[in-house]
Amino acid sequence: MRRRFFVDEFEAGSATLRGDAAHHLGRVLRAESGQLYELSDGRCLWLARTENVGRDEVQFSLVEQLPAPLAPVRIEMLLAIVKFDRFEWALEKATELGVDEIVPLAADRSEKGLIAVAEKRAERWKRILAESAQQARRLRIPALGVATKTREALSAPAAALKLLLSERVGARPMREVIEPAAALRQENDAARVAIAIGPEGGWTDAEFASAAACGFVEVALGANILRTETAVCAALAAVQYAFGAFKKL
């Protein structure tokens, strides 16, 4: 299976790979002229041939446009900031599981010290998303929002289906909510889903109230209490499965 890389644009039958990805391709993978790779600009996918492999950039000629199937669901994830090693692991796995946008949440029970330095980690987080998207052979890199307070973030998504993971008694089983919504999806139209995942200690009563006012439905993944990063994987896998993203393309 050919490796895939992301470029800024396609122009006049050519493309140029720059930055860390170019260094990795040229110096680590030791690419040579005439080799074939897949390139994406986030919209289109091309088979391309290396023409010139330099120290800081790799130039390609475009050979053939490849199919880029529409994903059946677009997912925005509002993810509470937790300890950075676990948060970054969650970013990686969320990318592999098809999330389209991630908004770091400065939740009421997120550690204040982590929130204070989150902005300084943004570039590192973007690199993690890019590398994970490349490894997963995705068409586009997930977007990363700025760290946002819960109430503000909950009011932003325009998704038709909004899910708030909850451990409270009375939260509906996630399956009961997502399967009927998936059944209503039009064949050639991507559904939009927002998923909010809280920190250790869970949501506060004020956050639950804000979520309800913004149209979020409280859902549970099961009887067990999951860590934030585990909930990310379980929730995304459930949504992708329900909407048919795991069908063979």
C-alpha atoms as a PDB file:
ATOM      1  CA  MET A   1       0.000   0.000   0.000  1.00  0.00           C
ATOM      2  CA  ARG A   2       1.416   3.377  -1.030  1.00  0.00           C
ATOM      3  CA  ARG A   3       2.197   6.042   1.529  1.00  0.00           C
ATOM      4  CA  ARG A   4       0.058   9.173   1.559  1.00  0.00           C
ATOM      5  CA  PHE A   5       1.223  12.737   2.177  1.00  0.00           C
ATOM      6  CA  PHE A   6      -0.531  16.102   2.459  1.00  0.00           C
ATOM      7  CA  VAL A   7       0.328  19.074   0.237  1.00  0.00           C
ATOM      8  CA  ASP A   8      -0.955  22.636   0.251  1.00  0.00           C
ATOM      9  CA  GLU A   9      -2.251  22.573  -3.320  1.00  0.00           C
ATOM     10  CA  PHE A  10      -2.150  20.984  -6.758  1.00  0.00           C
ATOM     11  CA  GLU A  11      -1.110  23.266  -9.574  1.00  0.00           C
ATOM     12  CA  ALA A  12      -0.552  22.728 -13.302  1.00  0.00           C
ATOM     13  CA  GLY A  13      -0.054  18.990 -13.020  1.00  0.00           C
ATOM     14  CA  SER A  14       2.407  19.209 -10.143  1.00  0.00           C
ATOM     15  CA  ALA A  15       2.668  19.480  -6.375  1.00  0.00           C
ATOM     16  CA  THR A  16       5.354  20.213  -3.804  1.00  0.00           C
ATOM     17  CA  LEU A  17       5.784  18.629  -0.383  1.00  0.00           C
ATOM     18  CA  ARG A  18       7.519  20.812   2.203  1.00  0.00           C
ATOM     19  CA  GLY A  19       8.446  20.877   5.865  1.00  0.00           C
ATOM     20  CA  ASP A  20       8.787  17.910   8.194  1.00  0.00           C
ATOM     21  CA  ALA A  21       6.940  15.588   5.825  1.00  0.00           C
ATOM     22  CA  ALA A  22       9.393  16.370   3.016  1.00  0.00           C
ATOM     23  CA  HIS A  23      12.313  15.753   5.344  1.00  0.00           C
ATOM     24  CA  HIS A  24      10.802  12.438   6.424  1.00  0.00           C
ATOM     25  CA  LEU A  25      10.193  11.328   2.852  1.00  0.00           C
ATOM     26  CA  GLY A  26      13.588  12.419   1.560  1.00  0.00           C
ATOM     27  CA  ARG A  27      15.897  11.696   4.504  1.00  0.00           C
ATOM     28  CA  VAL A  28      14.185   8.941   6.480  1.00  0.00           C
ATOM     29  CA  LEU A  29      12.407   6.995   3.734  1.00  0.00           C
ATOM     30  CA  ARG A  30      15.169   7.893   1.253  1.00  0.00           C
ATOM     31  CA  ALA A  31      12.795   8.556  -1.616  1.00  0.00           C
ATOM     32  CA  GLU A  32      14.215   8.665  -5.133  1.00  0.00           C
ATOM     33  CA  SER A  33      12.980  10.197  -8.365  1.00  0.00           C
ATOM     34  CA  GLY A  34      10.386   8.109 -10.174  1.00  0.00           C
ATOM     35  CA  GLN A  35       8.667   6.638  -7.127  1.00  0.00           C
ATOM     36  CA  LEU A  36       4.871   6.744  -6.715  1.00  0.00           C
ATOM     37  CA  TYR A  37       3.003   8.154  -3.722  1.00  0.00           C
ATOM     38  CA  GLU A  38      -0.489   9.404  -2.954  1.00  0.00           C
ATOM     39  CA  LEU A  39      -1.013  13.120  -2.320  1.00  0.00           C
ATOM     40  CA  SER A  40      -4.009  14.927  -0.827  1.00  0.00           C
ATOM     41  CA  ASP A  41      -4.792  18.602  -0.501  1.00  0.00           C
ATOM     42  CA  GLY A  42      -7.768  17.874   1.755  1.00  0.00           C
ATOM     43  CA  ARG A  43     -10.199  17.861  -1.163  1.00  0.00           C
ATOM     44  CA  CYS A  44      -8.701  15.780  -3.955  1.00  0.00           C
ATOM     45  CA  LEU A  45      -6.477  12.726  -4.029  1.00  0.00           C
ATOM     46  CA  TRP A  46      -3.808  12.091  -6.659  1.00  0.00           C
ATOM     47  CA  LEU A  47      -1.301   9.421  -7.532  1.00  0.00           C
ATOM     48  CA  ALA A  48       1.957  11.305  -8.028  1.00  0.00           C
ATOM     49  CA  ARG A  49       5.523  10.588  -9.096  1.00  0.00           C
ATOM     50  CA  THR A  50       8.583  12.080  -7.417  1.00  0.00           C
ATOM     51  CA  GLU A  51      10.551  14.284  -9.805  1.00  0.00           C
ATOM     52  CA  ASN A  52      13.068  16.007  -7.559  1.00  0.00           C
ATOM     53  CA  VAL A  53      13.918  15.035  -3.990  1.00  0.00           C
ATOM     54  CA  GLY A  54      15.621  17.876  -2.133  1.00  0.00           C
ATOM     55  CA  ARG A  55      16.636  18.523   1.440  1.00  0.00           C
ATOM     56  CA  ASP A  56      13.622  20.693   2.314  1.00  0.00           C
ATOM     57  CA  GLU A  57      11.091  19.865  -0.391  1.00  0.00           C
ATOM     58  CA  VAL A  58      10.007  17.111  -2.737  1.00  0.00           C
ATOM     59  CA  GLN A  59       8.533  17.927  -6.146  1.00  0.00           C
ATOM     60  CA  PHE A  60       5.963  15.671  -7.793  1.00  0.00           C
ATOM     61  CA  SER A  61       4.249  15.326 -11.142  1.00  0.00           C
ATOM     62  CA  LEU A  62       0.607  14.221 -11.003  1.00  0.00           C
ATOM     63  CA  VAL A  63      -0.149  10.905 -12.665  1.00  0.00           C
ATOM     64  CA  GLU A  64      -3.804  10.053 -12.008  1.00  0.00           C
ATOM     65  CA  GLN A  65      -6.640  11.393  -9.875  1.00  0.00           C
ATOM     66  CA  LEU A  66      -7.852   8.784  -7.409  1.00  0.00           C
ATOM     67  CA  PRO A  67     -11.336   8.248  -5.941  1.00  0.00           C
ATOM     68  CA  ALA A  68     -12.043  10.145  -2.721  1.00  0.00           C
ATOM     69  CA  PRO A  69     -15.333   8.721  -1.370  1.00  0.00           C
ATOM     70  CA  LEU A  70     -17.556  10.938   0.765  1.00  0.00           C
ATOM     71  CA  ALA A  71     -17.568   9.940   4.414  1.00  0.00           C
ATOM     72  CA  PRO A  72     -21.083   9.100   5.647  1.00  0.00           C
ATOM     73  CA  VAL A  73     -20.662  11.171   8.816  1.00  0.00           C
ATOM     74  CA  ARG A  74     -18.766  14.296   9.848  1.00  0.00           C
ATOM     75  CA  ILE A  75     -17.875  14.402  13.524  1.00  0.00           C
ATOM     76  CA  GLU A  76     -16.966  17.369  15.690  1.00  0.00           C
ATOM     77  CA  MET A  77     -15.552  16.370  19.044  1.00  0.00           C
ATOM     78  CA  LEU A  78     -15.506  18.664  22.069  1.00  0.00           C
ATOM     79  CA  LEU A  79     -12.779  17.104  24.195  1.00  0.00           C
ATOM     80  CA  ALA A  80     -12.001  18.158  27.751  1.00  0.00           C
ATOM     81  CA  ILE A  81      -8.362  18.932  28.388  1.00  0.00           C
ATOM     82  CA  VAL A  82      -6.769  16.223  30.539  1.00  0.00           C
ATOM     83  CA  LYS A  83      -3.152  15.313  31.265  1.00  0.00           C
ATOM     84  CA  PHE A  84      -1.271  15.967  28.062  1.00  0.00           C
ATOM     85  CA  ASP A  85       0.119  12.457  27.474  1.00  0.00           C
ATOM     86  CA  ARG A  86      -3.413  11.069  27.565  1.00  0.00           C
ATOM     87  CA  PHE A  87      -4.904  14.004  25.658  1.00  0.00           C
ATOM     88  CA  GLU A  88      -2.376  13.583  22.861  1.00  0.00           C
ATOM     89  CA  TRP A  89      -3.012   9.844  22.704  1.00  0.00           C
ATOM     90  CA  ALA A  90      -6.706  10.684  22.341  1.00  0.00           C
ATOM     91  CA  LEU A  91      -5.939  13.104  19.493  1.00  0.00           C
ATOM     92  CA  GLU A  92      -4.051  10.390  17.651  1.00  0.00           C
ATOM     93  CA  LYS A  93      -6.774   7.771  18.021  1.00  0.00           C
ATOM     94  CA  ALA A  94      -9.571  10.216  17.264  1.00  0.00           C
ATOM     95  CA  THR A  95      -7.849  11.034  13.984  1.00  0.00           C
ATOM     96  CA  GLU A  96      -7.530   7.357  13.091  1.00  0.00           C
ATOM     97  CA  LEU A  97     -11.237   6.927  13.872  1.00  0.00           C
ATOM     98  CA  GLY A  98     -12.300   9.681  11.502  1.00  0.00           C
ATOM     99  CA  VAL A  99     -12.996  12.786  13.594  1.00  0.00           C
ATOM    100  CA  ASP A 100     -13.202  15.952  11.477  1.00  0.00           C
ATOM    101  CA  GLU A 101     -12.721  18.659  14.088  1.00  0.00           C
ATOM    102  CA  ILE A 102     -11.510  18.714  17.678  1.00  0.00           C
ATOM    103  CA  VAL A 103     -12.176  21.559  20.089  1.00  0.00           C
ATOM    104  CA  PRO A 104     -10.169  21.343  23.338  1.00  0.00           C
ATOM    105  CA  LEU A 105     -12.490  22.092  26.243  1.00  0.00           C
ATOM    106  CA  ALA A 106     -11.490  24.142  29.255  1.00  0.00           C
ATOM    107  CA  ALA A 107     -14.038  22.243  31.323  1.00  0.00           C
ATOM    108  CA  ASP A 108     -14.936  23.253  34.855  1.00  0.00           C
ATOM    109  CA  ARG A 109     -13.080  20.234  36.236  1.00  0.00           C
ATOM    110  CA  SER A 110     -10.094  20.365  33.868  1.00  0.00           C
ATOM    111  CA  GLU A 111      -6.859  21.146  35.693  1.00  0.00           C
ATOM    112  CA  LYS A 112      -6.300  24.891  35.602  1.00  0.00           C
ATOM    113  CA  GLY A 113      -2.565  24.477  35.036  1.00  0.00           C
ATOM    114  CA  LEU A 114      -3.205  22.417  31.900  1.00  0.00           C
ATOM    115  CA  ILE A 115      -5.657  24.969  30.562  1.00  0.00           C
ATOM    116  CA  ALA A 116      -3.139  27.759  31.135  1.00  0.00           C
ATOM    117  CA  VAL A 117      -0.497  26.176  28.892  1.00  0.00           C
ATOM    118  CA  ALA A 118      -2.788  24.540  26.328  1.00  0.00           C
ATOM    119  CA  GLU A 119      -2.208  27.301  23.773  1.00  0.00           C
ATOM    120  CA  LYS A 120       1.525  26.576  23.820  1.00  0.00           C
ATOM    121  CA  ARG A 121       0.838  22.954  22.884  1.00  0.00           C
ATOM    122  CA  ALA A 122      -1.319  23.791  19.857  1.00  0.00           C
ATOM    123  CA  GLU A 123       1.440  23.420  17.252  1.00  0.00           C
ATOM    124  CA  ARG A 124       2.484  20.086  18.701  1.00  0.00           C
ATOM    125  CA  TRP A 125      -1.137  18.933  18.650  1.00  0.00           C
ATOM    126  CA  LYS A 126      -1.481  19.954  15.016  1.00  0.00           C
ATOM    127  CA  ARG A 127       1.596  17.881  14.146  1.00  0.00           C
ATOM    128  CA  ILE A 128       0.088  14.898  15.914  1.00  0.00           C
ATOM    129  CA  LEU A 129      -3.118  15.292  13.901  1.00  0.00           C
ATOM    130  CA  ALA A 130      -1.190  15.608  10.625  1.00  0.00           C
ATOM    131  CA  GLU A 131       1.019  12.592  11.282  1.00  0.00           C
ATOM    132  CA  SER A 132      -1.934  10.488  12.401  1.00  0.00           C
ATOM    133  CA  ALA A 133      -4.012  11.477   9.368  1.00  0.00           C
ATOM    134  CA  GLN A 134      -1.112  10.568   7.103  1.00  0.00           C
ATOM    135  CA  GLN A 135      -0.665   7.186   8.776  1.00  0.00           C
ATOM    136  CA  ALA A 136      -4.402   6.487   8.586  1.00  0.00           C
ATOM    137  CA  ARG A 137      -4.485   7.472   4.881  1.00  0.00           C
ATOM    138  CA  ARG A 138      -7.175  10.053   5.435  1.00  0.00           C
ATOM    139  CA  LEU A 139      -8.259  12.574   2.828  1.00  0.00           C
ATOM    140  CA  ARG A 140      -7.853  15.532   5.181  1.00  0.00           C
ATOM    141  CA  ILE A 141      -6.292  16.457   8.482  1.00  0.00           C
ATOM    142  CA  PRO A 142      -8.762  17.143  11.297  1.00  0.00           C
ATOM    143  CA  ALA A 143      -9.166  20.792  12.238  1.00  0.00           C
ATOM    144  CA  LEU A 144      -8.036  21.847  15.705  1.00  0.00           C
ATOM    145  CA  GLY A 145      -9.943  24.597  17.474  1.00  0.00           C
ATOM    146  CA  VAL A 146      -8.653  26.834  20.217  1.00  0.00           C
ATOM    147  CA  ALA A 147      -9.175  25.887  23.853  1.00  0.00           C
ATOM    148  CA  THR A 148     -12.681  27.059  24.714  1.00  0.00           C
ATOM    149  CA  LYS A 149     -14.802  27.156  27.850  1.00  0.00           C
ATOM    150  CA  THR A 150     -17.493  24.503  27.919  1.00  0.00           C
ATOM    151  CA  ARG A 151     -20.527  26.775  27.728  1.00  0.00           C
ATOM    152  CA  GLU A 152     -19.194  28.623  24.698  1.00  0.00           C
ATOM    153  CA  ALA A 153     -18.107  25.448  22.921  1.00  0.00           C
ATOM    154  CA  LEU A 154     -21.451  23.708  23.457  1.00  0.00           C
ATOM    155  CA  SER A 155     -23.309  26.511  21.706  1.00  0.00           C
ATOM    156  CA  ALA A 156     -21.161  26.362  18.549  1.00  0.00           C
ATOM    157  CA  PRO A 157     -21.838  23.024  16.760  1.00  0.00           C
ATOM    158  CA  ALA A 158     -24.412  23.086  13.969  1.00  0.00           C
ATOM    159  CA  ALA A 159     -24.731  19.291  14.010  1.00  0.00           C
ATOM    160  CA  ALA A 160     -28.183  17.745  13.844  1.00  0.00           C
ATOM    161  CA  LEU A 161     -27.179  15.135  16.430  1.00  0.00           C
ATOM    162  CA  LYS A 162     -25.424  16.337  19.596  1.00  0.00           C
ATOM    163  CA  LEU A 163     -24.225  13.833  22.163  1.00  0.00           C
ATOM    164  CA  LEU A 164     -22.921  14.498  25.662  1.00  0.00           C
ATOM    165  CA  LEU A 165     -21.255  11.493  27.233  1.00  0.00           C
ATOM    166  CA  SER A 166     -22.623  11.120  30.739  1.00  0.00           C
ATOM    167  CA  GLU A 167     -22.338   8.752  33.673  1.00  0.00           C
ATOM    168  CA  ARG A 168     -25.500  10.025  35.368  1.00  0.00           C
ATOM    169  CA  VAL A 169     -28.463   7.795  36.053  1.00  0.00           C
ATOM    170  CA  GLY A 170     -30.993   8.478  33.323  1.00  0.00           C
ATOM    171  CA  ALA A 171     -28.525   8.957  30.481  1.00  0.00           C
ATOM    172  CA  ARG A 172     -29.819   7.118  27.435  1.00  0.00           C
ATOM    173  CA  PRO A 173     -27.822   4.219  25.980  1.00  0.00           C
ATOM    174  CA  MET A 174     -25.854   5.666  23.084  1.00  0.00           C
ATOM    175  CA  ARG A 175     -27.103   2.996  20.715  1.00  0.00           C
ATOM    176  CA  GLU A 176     -30.726   4.041  21.242  1.00  0.00           C
ATOM    177  CA  VAL A 177     -29.877   7.573  20.097  1.00  0.00           C
ATOM    178  CA  ILE A 178     -27.485   7.087  17.205  1.00  0.00           C
ATOM    179  CA  GLU A 179     -29.087   4.165  15.381  1.00  0.00           C
ATOM    180  CA  PRO A 180     -32.402   5.955  14.617  1.00  0.00           C
ATOM    181  CA  ALA A 181     -30.454   9.039  13.488  1.00  0.00           C
ATOM    182  CA  ALA A 182     -28.260   6.917  11.224  1.00  0.00           C
ATOM    183  CA  ALA A 183     -31.337   5.297   9.673  1.00  0.00           C
ATOM    184  CA  LEU A 184     -32.568   8.726   8.564  1.00  0.00           C
ATOM    185  CA  ARG A 185     -29.350   9.696   6.777  1.00  0.00           C
ATOM    186  CA  GLN A 186     -29.736  10.362   3.068  1.00  0.00           C
ATOM    187  CA  GLU A 187     -27.577   8.125   0.872  1.00  0.00           C
ATOM    188  CA  ASN A 188     -25.363  10.855  -0.594  1.00  0.00           C
ATOM    189  CA  ASP A 189     -25.411  13.255   2.320  1.00  0.00           C
ATOM    190  CA  ALA A 190     -22.954  13.216   5.225  1.00  0.00           C
ATOM    191  CA  ALA A 191     -24.616  13.351   8.633  1.00  0.00           C
ATOM    192  CA  ARG A 192     -23.200  15.811  11.163  1.00  0.00           C
ATOM    193  CA  VAL A 193     -22.617  14.689  14.731  1.00  0.00           C
ATOM    194  CA  ALA A 194     -21.112  16.533  17.703  1.00  0.00           C
ATOM    195  CA  ILE A 195     -19.749  14.588  20.667  1.00  0.00           C
ATOM    196  CA  ALA A 196     -18.792  16.208  23.981  1.00  0.00           C
ATOM    197  CA  ILE A 197     -16.475  14.230  26.266  1.00  0.00           C
ATOM    198  CA  GLY A 198     -15.701  15.488  29.749  1.00  0.00           C
ATOM    199  CA  PRO A 199     -12.694  15.344  32.078  1.00  0.00           C
ATOM    200  CA  GLU A 200     -11.941  13.125  35.049  1.00  0.00           C
ATOM    201  CA  GLY A 201     -14.548  13.929  37.631  1.00  0.00           C
ATOM    202  CA  GLY A 202     -17.165  14.438  34.944  1.00  0.00           C
ATOM    203  CA  TRP A 203     -19.318  17.419  34.095  1.00  0.00           C
ATOM    204  CA  THR A 204     -20.627  19.907  36.637  1.00  0.00           C
ATOM    205  CA  ASP A 205     -24.334  20.561  37.081  1.00  0.00           C
ATOM    206  CA  ALA A 206     -23.885  23.905  35.310  1.00  0.00           C
ATOM    207  CA  GLU A 207     -22.310  22.180  32.318  1.00  0.00           C
ATOM    208  CA  PHE A 208     -25.121  19.633  32.160  1.00  0.00           C
ATOM    209  CA  ALA A 209     -27.612  22.499  32.137  1.00  0.00           C
ATOM    210  CA  SER A 210     -25.730  24.307  29.367  1.00  0.00           C
ATOM    211  CA  ALA A 211     -25.575  21.148  27.290  1.00  0.00           C
ATOM    212  CA  ALA A 212     -29.315  20.570  27.584  1.00  0.00           C
ATOM    213  CA  ALA A 213     -30.012  24.177  26.615  1.00  0.00           C
ATOM    214  CA  CYS A 214     -27.823  23.738  23.507  1.00  0.00           C
ATOM    215  CA  GLY A 215     -29.641  20.591  22.366  1.00  0.00           C
ATOM    216  CA  PHE A 216     -27.200  17.931  23.565  1.00  0.00           C
ATOM    217  CA  VAL A 217     -28.573  14.539  24.554  1.00  0.00           C
ATOM    218  CA  GLU A 218     -27.004  12.755  27.524  1.00  0.00           C
ATOM    219  CA  VAL A 219     -25.821   9.324  26.435  1.00  0.00           C
ATOM    220  CA  ALA A 220     -23.971   6.493  28.151  1.00  0.00           C
ATOM    221  CA  LEU A 221     -21.527   4.001  26.657  1.00  0.00           C
ATOM    222  CA  GLY A 222     -22.292   1.350  29.258  1.00  0.00           C
ATOM    223  CA  ALA A 223     -22.156   0.580  32.951  1.00  0.00           C
ATOM    224  CA  ASN A 224     -18.396   1.003  33.294  1.00  0.00           C
ATOM    225  CA  ILE A 225     -16.759   4.370  33.973  1.00  0.00           C
ATOM    226  CA  LEU A 226     -14.263   5.089  31.192  1.00  0.00           C
ATOM    227  CA  ARG A 227     -11.237   7.330  31.156  1.00  0.00           C
ATOM    228  CA  THR A 228     -11.542  10.299  28.834  1.00  0.00           C
ATOM    229  CA  GLU A 229      -9.267   8.819  26.175  1.00  0.00           C
ATOM    230  CA  THR A 230     -11.050   5.451  26.306  1.00  0.00           C
ATOM    231  CA  ALA A 231     -14.400   7.182  25.885  1.00  0.00           C
ATOM    232  CA  VAL A 232     -13.035   8.934  22.787  1.00  0.00           C
ATOM    233  CA  CYS A 233     -12.300   5.622  21.091  1.00  0.00           C
ATOM    234  CA  ALA A 234     -15.526   3.941  22.158  1.00  0.00           C
ATOM    235  CA  ALA A 235     -17.772   6.846  21.160  1.00  0.00           C
ATOM    236  CA  LEU A 236     -16.182   7.427  17.772  1.00  0.00           C
ATOM    237  CA  ALA A 237     -16.189   3.740  16.908  1.00  0.00           C
ATOM    238  CA  ALA A 238     -19.874   3.489  17.838  1.00  0.00           C
ATOM    239  CA  VAL A 239     -20.867   6.486  15.721  1.00  0.00           C
ATOM    240  CA  GLN A 240     -18.793   5.400  12.735  1.00  0.00           C
ATOM    241  CA  TYR A 241     -20.233   1.890  12.900  1.00  0.00           C
ATOM    242  CA  ALA A 242     -23.827   3.132  13.177  1.00  0.00           C
ATOM    243  CA  PHE A 243     -23.465   5.442  10.181  1.00  0.00           C
ATOM    244  CA  GLY A 244     -21.782   2.819   8.008  1.00  0.00           C
ATOM    245  CA  ALA A 245     -18.264   4.205   7.851  1.00  0.00           C
ATOM    246  CA  PHE A 246     -16.759   0.753   8.410  1.00  0.00           C
ATOM    247  CA  LYS A 247     -18.341  -0.733   5.298  1.00  0.00           C
ATOM    248  CA  LYS A 248     -15.797  -1.739   2.655  1.00  0.00           C
ATOM    249  CA  LEU A 249     -15.368   1.093   0.151  1.00  0.00           C
END
